[in-house]
Amino acid sequence: MNKITNAITSWHIAVCRPEPQAQQLVRALADKGYDAVAQPLFTLKAHANSEEIKQQLIVKQPSIVIFVSPAAVNFAQQSWAIKHWQNVVSQPITYIAVGKTTQKALQHCGIDQVIAPEQENSEGLLALPNLSNVAHKNILIVRGDNGRELLATTLTTRGAKITYIASYQKIWHELAANKFAQQWQKLKINAIVVTSVALLEKLVTLLMTTPTKHYWLDHCYWLVASERIAKQANQYNINNVINTCGASNQAIMTTISTMDLHND
């Protein structure tokens, strides 16, 4: 459930996802008349190599491979073309993407049959029929250097055997908290887009050490991509938490436009 204590009349949005997704969302918001700025907190760097991926596939023989983001697809593709993965696995692989953008990224890599949930997050993945009866199945999750613990934990309780490939790693930017907060104040930021628990934790660490911490806690909107992130935000006593029910541009923009209608 969304937690809101004040209405917003003029949007000034900080998009804290990595590039190029940050600029893509900023442009989409600008096209709809919203004031938005890209504020990536980390960059991404390739992590896995072709031999590591090949060895994981040969040893684990997964029947299901889940990609949790377009970045997971793109960096895996750079390491070893995904269309070759089936060549070292003895059974047909079912490819699952966290959402439509990740699905399209896989299709661009030559994987035609890709399953994606309507709700583009871990909860949506876990609701898929393909992941309901997974006892004794080997499932490979392709992600960054961490994340999606809910997905792995739940699939493990359903009897699956989980393996990870970290196709990329996050390189966090060094940011001076006070300077960072002052820049946002000058830009009149009153809404923050947060698409992972790691991003939320980093932002809280930065902003809660500044003299303006109560503004960010009490008055700023936090647009989060899942119920899991929303619950964590509530643990930090953030007053205005909005679950966009997905990290896609469309999910975020639909949430903002819906709130505009409710505030009229």
C-alpha atoms as a PDB file:
ATOM      1  CA  MET A   1       0.000   0.000   0.000  1.00  0.00           C
ATOM      2  CA  ASN A   2       1.253   3.476  -0.853  1.00  0.00           C
ATOM      3  CA  LYS A   3       2.031   5.797   2.010  1.00  0.00           C
ATOM      4  CA  ILE A   4       1.307   9.488   1.220  1.00  0.00           C
ATOM      5  CA  THR A   5       0.957  12.444   3.569  1.00  0.00           C
ATOM      6  CA  ASN A   6       1.017  15.414   1.179  1.00  0.00           C
ATOM      7  CA  ALA A   7      -0.028  16.228  -2.377  1.00  0.00           C
ATOM      8  CA  ILE A   8       2.374  17.401  -5.052  1.00  0.00           C
ATOM      9  CA  THR A   9       1.504  20.190  -7.486  1.00  0.00           C
ATOM     10  CA  SER A  10       4.679  20.628  -9.552  1.00  0.00           C
ATOM     11  CA  TRP A  11       7.044  17.752 -10.256  1.00  0.00           C
ATOM     12  CA  HIS A  12      10.831  18.108  -9.996  1.00  0.00           C
ATOM     13  CA  ILE A  13      12.116  14.564 -10.320  1.00  0.00           C
ATOM     14  CA  ALA A  14      15.554  13.041  -9.707  1.00  0.00           C
ATOM     15  CA  VAL A  15      16.052   9.787 -11.638  1.00  0.00           C
ATOM     16  CA  CYS A  16      18.661   7.722  -9.788  1.00  0.00           C
ATOM     17  CA  ARG A  17      19.029   4.770 -12.111  1.00  0.00           C
ATOM     18  CA  PRO A  18      22.230   4.171 -14.123  1.00  0.00           C
ATOM     19  CA  GLU A  19      22.822   5.402 -17.666  1.00  0.00           C
ATOM     20  CA  PRO A  20      21.525   5.095 -20.307  1.00  0.00           C
ATOM     21  CA  GLN A  21      18.222   4.261 -18.578  1.00  0.00           C
ATOM     22  CA  ALA A  22      18.326   7.470 -16.521  1.00  0.00           C
ATOM     23  CA  GLN A  23      18.500   9.760 -19.554  1.00  0.00           C
ATOM     24  CA  GLN A  24      15.896   7.704 -21.390  1.00  0.00           C
ATOM     25  CA  LEU A  25      13.413   8.227 -18.559  1.00  0.00           C
ATOM     26  CA  VAL A  26      14.316  11.918 -18.222  1.00  0.00           C
ATOM     27  CA  ARG A  27      13.589  12.453 -21.933  1.00  0.00           C
ATOM     28  CA  ALA A  28      10.315  10.554 -21.700  1.00  0.00           C
ATOM     29  CA  LEU A  29       9.244  12.637 -18.686  1.00  0.00           C
ATOM     30  CA  ALA A  30      10.275  15.871 -20.407  1.00  0.00           C
ATOM     31  CA  ASP A  31       8.141  14.921 -23.417  1.00  0.00           C
ATOM     32  CA  LYS A  32       5.160  14.822 -21.051  1.00  0.00           C
ATOM     33  CA  GLY A  33       6.019  18.211 -19.549  1.00  0.00           C
ATOM     34  CA  TYR A  34       7.676  17.037 -16.343  1.00  0.00           C
ATOM     35  CA  ASP A  35      10.881  18.564 -14.960  1.00  0.00           C
ATOM     36  CA  ALA A  36      13.385  15.754 -14.417  1.00  0.00           C
ATOM     37  CA  VAL A  37      17.136  15.341 -14.004  1.00  0.00           C
ATOM     38  CA  ALA A  38      19.337  12.250 -14.285  1.00  0.00           C
ATOM     39  CA  GLN A  39      21.326  11.517 -11.131  1.00  0.00           C
ATOM     40  CA  PRO A  40      23.009   8.107 -11.513  1.00  0.00           C
ATOM     41  CA  LEU A  41      24.681   6.911  -8.328  1.00  0.00           C
ATOM     42  CA  PHE A  42      26.770   4.231 -10.020  1.00  0.00           C
ATOM     43  CA  THR A  43      28.085   3.031 -13.349  1.00  0.00           C
ATOM     44  CA  LEU A  44      28.142  -0.536 -14.603  1.00  0.00           C
ATOM     45  CA  LYS A  45      31.173  -2.582 -15.589  1.00  0.00           C
ATOM     46  CA  ALA A  46      31.381  -6.039 -17.176  1.00  0.00           C
ATOM     47  CA  HIS A  47      32.133  -8.754 -14.642  1.00  0.00           C
ATOM     48  CA  ALA A  48      31.666 -12.272 -16.062  1.00  0.00           C
ATOM     49  CA  ASN A  49      33.732 -13.774 -18.881  1.00  0.00           C
ATOM     50  CA  SER A  50      32.893 -16.355 -21.506  1.00  0.00           C
ATOM     51  CA  GLU A  51      34.681 -19.233 -19.770  1.00  0.00           C
ATOM     52  CA  GLU A  52      32.926 -18.566 -16.461  1.00  0.00           C
ATOM     53  CA  ILE A  53      29.517 -18.485 -18.143  1.00  0.00           C
ATOM     54  CA  LYS A  54      30.234 -21.610 -20.180  1.00  0.00           C
ATOM     55  CA  GLN A  55      31.457 -23.512 -17.112  1.00  0.00           C
ATOM     56  CA  GLN A  56      28.375 -22.570 -15.073  1.00  0.00           C
ATOM     57  CA  LEU A  57      26.101 -23.754 -17.856  1.00  0.00           C
ATOM     58  CA  ILE A  58      27.960 -27.030 -18.391  1.00  0.00           C
ATOM     59  CA  VAL A  59      28.115 -27.907 -14.690  1.00  0.00           C
ATOM     60  CA  LYS A  60      24.659 -26.701 -13.578  1.00  0.00           C
ATOM     61  CA  GLN A  61      22.660 -27.543 -16.735  1.00  0.00           C
ATOM     62  CA  PRO A  62      19.856 -25.057 -16.009  1.00  0.00           C
ATOM     63  CA  SER A  63      16.421 -25.643 -17.491  1.00  0.00           C
ATOM     64  CA  ILE A  64      15.395 -22.039 -16.682  1.00  0.00           C
ATOM     65  CA  VAL A  65      17.485 -18.891 -17.103  1.00  0.00           C
ATOM     66  CA  ILE A  66      16.165 -15.641 -15.623  1.00  0.00           C
ATOM     67  CA  PHE A  67      17.521 -12.241 -16.663  1.00  0.00           C
ATOM     68  CA  VAL A  68      16.734  -9.525 -14.137  1.00  0.00           C
ATOM     69  CA  SER A  69      17.481  -6.397 -16.209  1.00  0.00           C
ATOM     70  CA  PRO A  70      18.476  -5.179 -19.684  1.00  0.00           C
ATOM     71  CA  ALA A  71      21.977  -4.590 -18.282  1.00  0.00           C
ATOM     72  CA  ALA A  72      22.186  -8.247 -17.226  1.00  0.00           C
ATOM     73  CA  VAL A  73      21.351  -9.217 -20.819  1.00  0.00           C
ATOM     74  CA  ASN A  74      23.677  -6.752 -22.510  1.00  0.00           C
ATOM     75  CA  PHE A  75      26.730  -7.506 -20.389  1.00  0.00           C
ATOM     76  CA  ALA A  76      26.152 -11.265 -20.647  1.00  0.00           C
ATOM     77  CA  GLN A  77      25.869 -10.913 -24.409  1.00  0.00           C
ATOM     78  CA  GLN A  78      29.187  -9.049 -24.502  1.00  0.00           C
ATOM     79  CA  SER A  79      30.849 -11.876 -22.589  1.00  0.00           C
ATOM     80  CA  TRP A  80      29.428 -14.800 -24.588  1.00  0.00           C
ATOM     81  CA  ALA A  81      26.573 -14.593 -27.103  1.00  0.00           C
ATOM     82  CA  ILE A  82      23.415 -15.812 -25.380  1.00  0.00           C
ATOM     83  CA  LYS A  83      22.219 -17.701 -28.467  1.00  0.00           C
ATOM     84  CA  HIS A  84      25.166 -20.100 -27.907  1.00  0.00           C
ATOM     85  CA  TRP A  85      24.168 -20.981 -24.345  1.00  0.00           C
ATOM     86  CA  GLN A  86      21.762 -23.684 -25.464  1.00  0.00           C
ATOM     87  CA  ASN A  87      24.668 -25.485 -27.209  1.00  0.00           C
ATOM     88  CA  VAL A  88      26.214 -26.587 -23.894  1.00  0.00           C
ATOM     89  CA  VAL A  89      22.946 -27.448 -22.094  1.00  0.00           C
ATOM     90  CA  SER A  90      21.425 -30.863 -22.779  1.00  0.00           C
ATOM     91  CA  GLN A  91      17.791 -29.833 -22.282  1.00  0.00           C
ATOM     92  CA  PRO A  92      15.767 -26.939 -23.728  1.00  0.00           C
ATOM     93  CA  ILE A  93      16.269 -23.677 -21.813  1.00  0.00           C
ATOM     94  CA  THR A  94      13.264 -21.585 -20.843  1.00  0.00           C
ATOM     95  CA  TYR A  95      14.295 -17.918 -20.940  1.00  0.00           C
ATOM     96  CA  ILE A  96      12.495 -15.550 -18.565  1.00  0.00           C
ATOM     97  CA  ALA A  97      12.888 -11.753 -18.400  1.00  0.00           C
ATOM     98  CA  VAL A  98      11.870  -9.474 -15.540  1.00  0.00           C
ATOM     99  CA  GLY A  99       9.948  -7.182 -17.900  1.00  0.00           C
ATOM    100  CA  LYS A 100       9.254  -6.095 -21.471  1.00  0.00           C
ATOM    101  CA  THR A 101      12.476  -4.081 -21.897  1.00  0.00           C
ATOM    102  CA  THR A 102      14.586  -7.029 -20.760  1.00  0.00           C
ATOM    103  CA  GLN A 103      12.521  -9.295 -23.003  1.00  0.00           C
ATOM    104  CA  LYS A 104      13.265  -7.077 -26.013  1.00  0.00           C
ATOM    105  CA  ALA A 105      16.974  -7.036 -25.124  1.00  0.00           C
ATOM    106  CA  LEU A 106      17.008 -10.847 -25.222  1.00  0.00           C
ATOM    107  CA  GLN A 107      15.124 -10.906 -28.513  1.00  0.00           C
ATOM    108  CA  HIS A 108      17.737  -8.548 -29.971  1.00  0.00           C
ATOM    109  CA  CYS A 109      20.302 -11.185 -28.971  1.00  0.00           C
ATOM    110  CA  GLY A 110      18.509 -13.825 -31.031  1.00  0.00           C
ATOM    111  CA  ILE A 111      16.388 -15.423 -28.283  1.00  0.00           C
ATOM    112  CA  ASP A 112      12.919 -15.442 -29.832  1.00  0.00           C
ATOM    113  CA  GLN A 113      10.908 -17.188 -27.118  1.00  0.00           C
ATOM    114  CA  VAL A 114      11.128 -15.141 -23.912  1.00  0.00           C
ATOM    115  CA  ILE A 115       8.567 -15.112 -21.086  1.00  0.00           C
ATOM    116  CA  ALA A 116       7.969 -11.854 -19.186  1.00  0.00           C
ATOM    117  CA  PRO A 117       5.436 -10.983 -16.468  1.00  0.00           C
ATOM    118  CA  GLU A 118       3.038  -8.044 -16.664  1.00  0.00           C
ATOM    119  CA  GLN A 119       4.211  -6.883 -13.235  1.00  0.00           C
ATOM    120  CA  GLU A 120       7.850  -6.094 -13.930  1.00  0.00           C
ATOM    121  CA  ASN A 121       9.599  -7.005 -10.680  1.00  0.00           C
ATOM    122  CA  SER A 122      10.525 -10.018  -8.546  1.00  0.00           C
ATOM    123  CA  GLU A 123       6.948 -10.389  -7.336  1.00  0.00           C
ATOM    124  CA  GLY A 124       5.745 -10.502 -10.935  1.00  0.00           C
ATOM    125  CA  LEU A 125       8.332 -13.128 -11.809  1.00  0.00           C
ATOM    126  CA  LEU A 126       7.349 -15.281  -8.855  1.00  0.00           C
ATOM    127  CA  ALA A 127       3.699 -15.202  -9.965  1.00  0.00           C
ATOM    128  CA  LEU A 128       4.526 -16.738 -13.360  1.00  0.00           C
ATOM    129  CA  PRO A 129       3.173 -20.292 -13.869  1.00  0.00           C
ATOM    130  CA  ASN A 130       6.614 -21.293 -15.192  1.00  0.00           C
ATOM    131  CA  LEU A 131       8.101 -20.601 -11.742  1.00  0.00           C
ATOM    132  CA  SER A 132       5.380 -22.184  -9.609  1.00  0.00           C
ATOM    133  CA  ASN A 133       6.382 -25.851  -9.846  1.00  0.00           C
ATOM    134  CA  VAL A 134      10.174 -25.756  -9.819  1.00  0.00           C
ATOM    135  CA  ALA A 135      11.093 -28.495  -7.354  1.00  0.00           C
ATOM    136  CA  HIS A 136      14.483 -30.061  -8.263  1.00  0.00           C
ATOM    137  CA  LYS A 137      14.897 -27.720 -11.252  1.00  0.00           C
ATOM    138  CA  ASN A 138      18.188 -25.958 -11.870  1.00  0.00           C
ATOM    139  CA  ILE A 139      17.580 -22.218 -12.317  1.00  0.00           C
ATOM    140  CA  LEU A 140      20.236 -19.730 -13.362  1.00  0.00           C
ATOM    141  CA  ILE A 141      19.713 -16.058 -12.432  1.00  0.00           C
ATOM    142  CA  VAL A 142      21.708 -13.559 -14.488  1.00  0.00           C
ATOM    143  CA  ARG A 143      22.093 -10.308 -12.546  1.00  0.00           C
ATOM    144  CA  GLY A 144      24.660  -7.797 -11.320  1.00  0.00           C
ATOM    145  CA  ASP A 145      26.999  -8.375  -8.411  1.00  0.00           C
ATOM    146  CA  ASN A 146      24.066  -8.550  -5.977  1.00  0.00           C
ATOM    147  CA  GLY A 147      20.293  -8.172  -5.774  1.00  0.00           C
ATOM    148  CA  ARG A 148      17.110 -10.200  -6.325  1.00  0.00           C
ATOM    149  CA  GLU A 149      17.480 -12.055  -3.035  1.00  0.00           C
ATOM    150  CA  LEU A 150      13.683 -12.352  -2.711  1.00  0.00           C
ATOM    151  CA  LEU A 151      13.541 -14.120  -6.070  1.00  0.00           C
ATOM    152  CA  ALA A 152      16.261 -16.612  -5.180  1.00  0.00           C
ATOM    153  CA  THR A 153      15.013 -17.213  -1.644  1.00  0.00           C
ATOM    154  CA  THR A 154      11.439 -17.869  -2.750  1.00  0.00           C
ATOM    155  CA  LEU A 155      12.461 -20.175  -5.594  1.00  0.00           C
ATOM    156  CA  THR A 156      14.688 -22.078  -3.166  1.00  0.00           C
ATOM    157  CA  THR A 157      11.740 -22.585  -0.808  1.00  0.00           C
ATOM    158  CA  ARG A 158       9.853 -23.976  -3.805  1.00  0.00           C
ATOM    159  CA  GLY A 159      12.575 -26.590  -4.190  1.00  0.00           C
ATOM    160  CA  ALA A 160      14.652 -25.092  -6.986  1.00  0.00           C
ATOM    161  CA  LYS A 161      18.450 -25.154  -7.122  1.00  0.00           C
ATOM    162  CA  ILE A 162      19.685 -21.598  -7.746  1.00  0.00           C
ATOM    163  CA  THR A 163      22.903 -20.485  -9.424  1.00  0.00           C
ATOM    164  CA  TYR A 164      23.975 -16.910 -10.207  1.00  0.00           C
ATOM    165  CA  ILE A 165      25.966 -15.361 -12.989  1.00  0.00           C
ATOM    166  CA  ALA A 166      27.027 -11.784 -12.193  1.00  0.00           C
ATOM    167  CA  SER A 167      27.348 -10.373 -15.700  1.00  0.00           C
ATOM    168  CA  TYR A 168      28.193  -6.890 -14.407  1.00  0.00           C
ATOM    169  CA  GLN A 169      29.166  -5.048 -11.245  1.00  0.00           C
ATOM    170  CA  LYS A 170      28.206  -1.653  -9.834  1.00  0.00           C
ATOM    171  CA  ILE A 171      30.874   1.020  -9.428  1.00  0.00           C
ATOM    172  CA  TRP A 172      29.438   3.513  -6.939  1.00  0.00           C
ATOM    173  CA  HIS A 173      30.202   7.192  -7.420  1.00  0.00           C
ATOM    174  CA  GLU A 174      31.943   9.104  -4.661  1.00  0.00           C
ATOM    175  CA  LEU A 175      29.500  11.850  -3.643  1.00  0.00           C
ATOM    176  CA  ALA A 176      29.793  14.536  -0.961  1.00  0.00           C
ATOM    177  CA  ALA A 177      26.484  14.337   0.908  1.00  0.00           C
ATOM    178  CA  ASN A 178      25.999  18.053   1.664  1.00  0.00           C
ATOM    179  CA  LYS A 179      26.936  19.160  -1.855  1.00  0.00           C
ATOM    180  CA  PHE A 180      24.695  16.467  -3.290  1.00  0.00           C
ATOM    181  CA  ALA A 181      21.698  17.597  -1.188  1.00  0.00           C
ATOM    182  CA  GLN A 182      22.337  21.291  -1.939  1.00  0.00           C
ATOM    183  CA  GLN A 183      22.299  20.604  -5.681  1.00  0.00           C
ATOM    184  CA  TRP A 184      18.954  18.884  -5.339  1.00  0.00           C
ATOM    185  CA  GLN A 185      17.584  21.785  -3.305  1.00  0.00           C
ATOM    186  CA  LYS A 186      18.596  24.252  -6.030  1.00  0.00           C
ATOM    187  CA  LEU A 187      16.790  22.059  -8.552  1.00  0.00           C
ATOM    188  CA  LYS A 188      13.727  21.963  -6.232  1.00  0.00           C
ATOM    189  CA  ILE A 189      13.747  18.168  -6.274  1.00  0.00           C
ATOM    190  CA  ASN A 190      10.570  16.862  -4.664  1.00  0.00           C
ATOM    191  CA  ALA A 191      10.427  13.336  -6.112  1.00  0.00           C
ATOM    192  CA  ILE A 192      13.061  10.604  -6.404  1.00  0.00           C
ATOM    193  CA  VAL A 193      12.894   7.532  -8.641  1.00  0.00           C
ATOM    194  CA  VAL A 194      14.390   4.477  -6.889  1.00  0.00           C
ATOM    195  CA  THR A 195      14.485   1.117  -8.670  1.00  0.00           C
ATOM    196  CA  SER A 196      16.359  -1.104  -6.204  1.00  0.00           C
ATOM    197  CA  VAL A 197      16.916  -1.619  -2.494  1.00  0.00           C
ATOM    198  CA  ALA A 198      20.632  -0.907  -3.010  1.00  0.00           C
ATOM    199  CA  LEU A 199      19.801   2.514  -4.482  1.00  0.00           C
ATOM    200  CA  LEU A 200      17.415   3.256  -1.635  1.00  0.00           C
ATOM    201  CA  GLU A 201      20.019   2.377   0.984  1.00  0.00           C
ATOM    202  CA  LYS A 202      22.664   4.519  -0.711  1.00  0.00           C
ATOM    203  CA  LEU A 203      20.337   7.524  -0.951  1.00  0.00           C
ATOM    204  CA  VAL A 204      19.260   7.225   2.665  1.00  0.00           C
ATOM    205  CA  THR A 205      22.904   7.003   3.733  1.00  0.00           C
ATOM    206  CA  LEU A 206      23.699  10.185   1.786  1.00  0.00           C
ATOM    207  CA  LEU A 207      20.657  12.315   2.554  1.00  0.00           C
ATOM    208  CA  MET A 208      20.158  11.406   6.202  1.00  0.00           C
ATOM    209  CA  THR A 209      23.543  12.889   7.117  1.00  0.00           C
ATOM    210  CA  THR A 210      22.607  16.369   5.833  1.00  0.00           C
ATOM    211  CA  PRO A 211      20.896  19.296   7.629  1.00  0.00           C
ATOM    212  CA  THR A 212      17.913  18.895   5.262  1.00  0.00           C
ATOM    213  CA  LYS A 213      17.286  15.232   6.124  1.00  0.00           C
ATOM    214  CA  HIS A 214      13.789  15.933   7.455  1.00  0.00           C
ATOM    215  CA  TYR A 215      12.728  17.414   4.108  1.00  0.00           C
ATOM    216  CA  TRP A 216      13.723  14.208   2.294  1.00  0.00           C
ATOM    217  CA  LEU A 217      12.010  12.068   4.926  1.00  0.00           C
ATOM    218  CA  ASP A 218       8.836  14.085   5.429  1.00  0.00           C
ATOM    219  CA  HIS A 219       8.067  16.004   2.235  1.00  0.00           C
ATOM    220  CA  CYS A 220       9.798  14.439  -0.754  1.00  0.00           C
ATOM    221  CA  TYR A 221       8.070  11.745  -2.833  1.00  0.00           C
ATOM    222  CA  TRP A 222       9.936   8.460  -3.255  1.00  0.00           C
ATOM    223  CA  LEU A 223       8.787   6.576  -6.356  1.00  0.00           C
ATOM    224  CA  VAL A 224       9.893   2.977  -5.827  1.00  0.00           C
ATOM    225  CA  ALA A 225       9.662   0.064  -8.248  1.00  0.00           C
ATOM    226  CA  SER A 226       8.270  -2.674  -5.982  1.00  0.00           C
ATOM    227  CA  GLU A 227       6.481  -3.452  -2.746  1.00  0.00           C
ATOM    228  CA  ARG A 228       9.748  -4.825  -1.364  1.00  0.00           C
ATOM    229  CA  ILE A 229      11.478  -1.446  -1.840  1.00  0.00           C
ATOM    230  CA  ALA A 230       8.413   0.349  -0.459  1.00  0.00           C
ATOM    231  CA  LYS A 231       8.522  -1.725   2.734  1.00  0.00           C
ATOM    232  CA  GLN A 232      12.205  -0.920   3.164  1.00  0.00           C
ATOM    233  CA  ALA A 233      11.498   2.790   2.613  1.00  0.00           C
ATOM    234  CA  ASN A 234       8.806   2.649   5.280  1.00  0.00           C
ATOM    235  CA  GLN A 235      11.362   1.110   7.640  1.00  0.00           C
ATOM    236  CA  TYR A 236      13.368   4.314   7.188  1.00  0.00           C
ATOM    237  CA  ASN A 237      10.268   6.359   8.177  1.00  0.00           C
ATOM    238  CA  ILE A 238       9.954   7.968   4.745  1.00  0.00           C
ATOM    239  CA  ASN A 239       6.499   9.552   4.656  1.00  0.00           C
ATOM    240  CA  ASN A 240       5.629   9.680   0.944  1.00  0.00           C
ATOM    241  CA  VAL A 241       6.318   6.287  -0.631  1.00  0.00           C
ATOM    242  CA  ILE A 242       4.714   5.441  -3.970  1.00  0.00           C
ATOM    243  CA  ASN A 243       4.979   1.957  -5.476  1.00  0.00           C
ATOM    244  CA  THR A 244       5.110   2.209  -9.287  1.00  0.00           C
ATOM    245  CA  CYS A 245       4.752  -1.608  -9.522  1.00  0.00           C
ATOM    246  CA  GLY A 246       7.584  -1.844 -12.010  1.00  0.00           C
ATOM    247  CA  ALA A 247      10.846  -0.221 -13.057  1.00  0.00           C
ATOM    248  CA  SER A 248       9.907   0.437 -16.684  1.00  0.00           C
ATOM    249  CA  ASN A 249       9.541   3.985 -17.975  1.00  0.00           C
ATOM    250  CA  GLN A 250       5.883   3.301 -18.679  1.00  0.00           C
ATOM    251  CA  ALA A 251       5.164   2.081 -15.134  1.00  0.00           C
ATOM    252  CA  ILE A 252       6.828   5.142 -13.588  1.00  0.00           C
ATOM    253  CA  MET A 253       5.186   7.628 -15.940  1.00  0.00           C
ATOM    254  CA  THR A 254       1.754   6.054 -15.529  1.00  0.00           C
ATOM    255  CA  THR A 255       2.068   6.357 -11.752  1.00  0.00           C
ATOM    256  CA  ILE A 256       2.997  10.043 -11.983  1.00  0.00           C
ATOM    257  CA  SER A 257       0.177  10.883 -14.397  1.00  0.00           C
ATOM    258  CA  THR A 258      -2.314   9.001 -12.217  1.00  0.00           C
ATOM    259  CA  MET A 259      -1.207  10.979  -9.183  1.00  0.00           C
ATOM    260  CA  ASP A 260      -1.649  14.198 -11.169  1.00  0.00           C
ATOM    261  CA  LEU A 261      -5.264  13.236 -11.836  1.00  0.00           C
ATOM    262  CA  HIS A 262      -5.868  12.456  -8.159  1.00  0.00           C
ATOM    263  CA  ASN A 263      -4.384  15.815  -7.132  1.00  0.00           C
ATOM    264  CA  ASP A 264      -6.578  17.842  -9.495  1.00  0.00           C
END
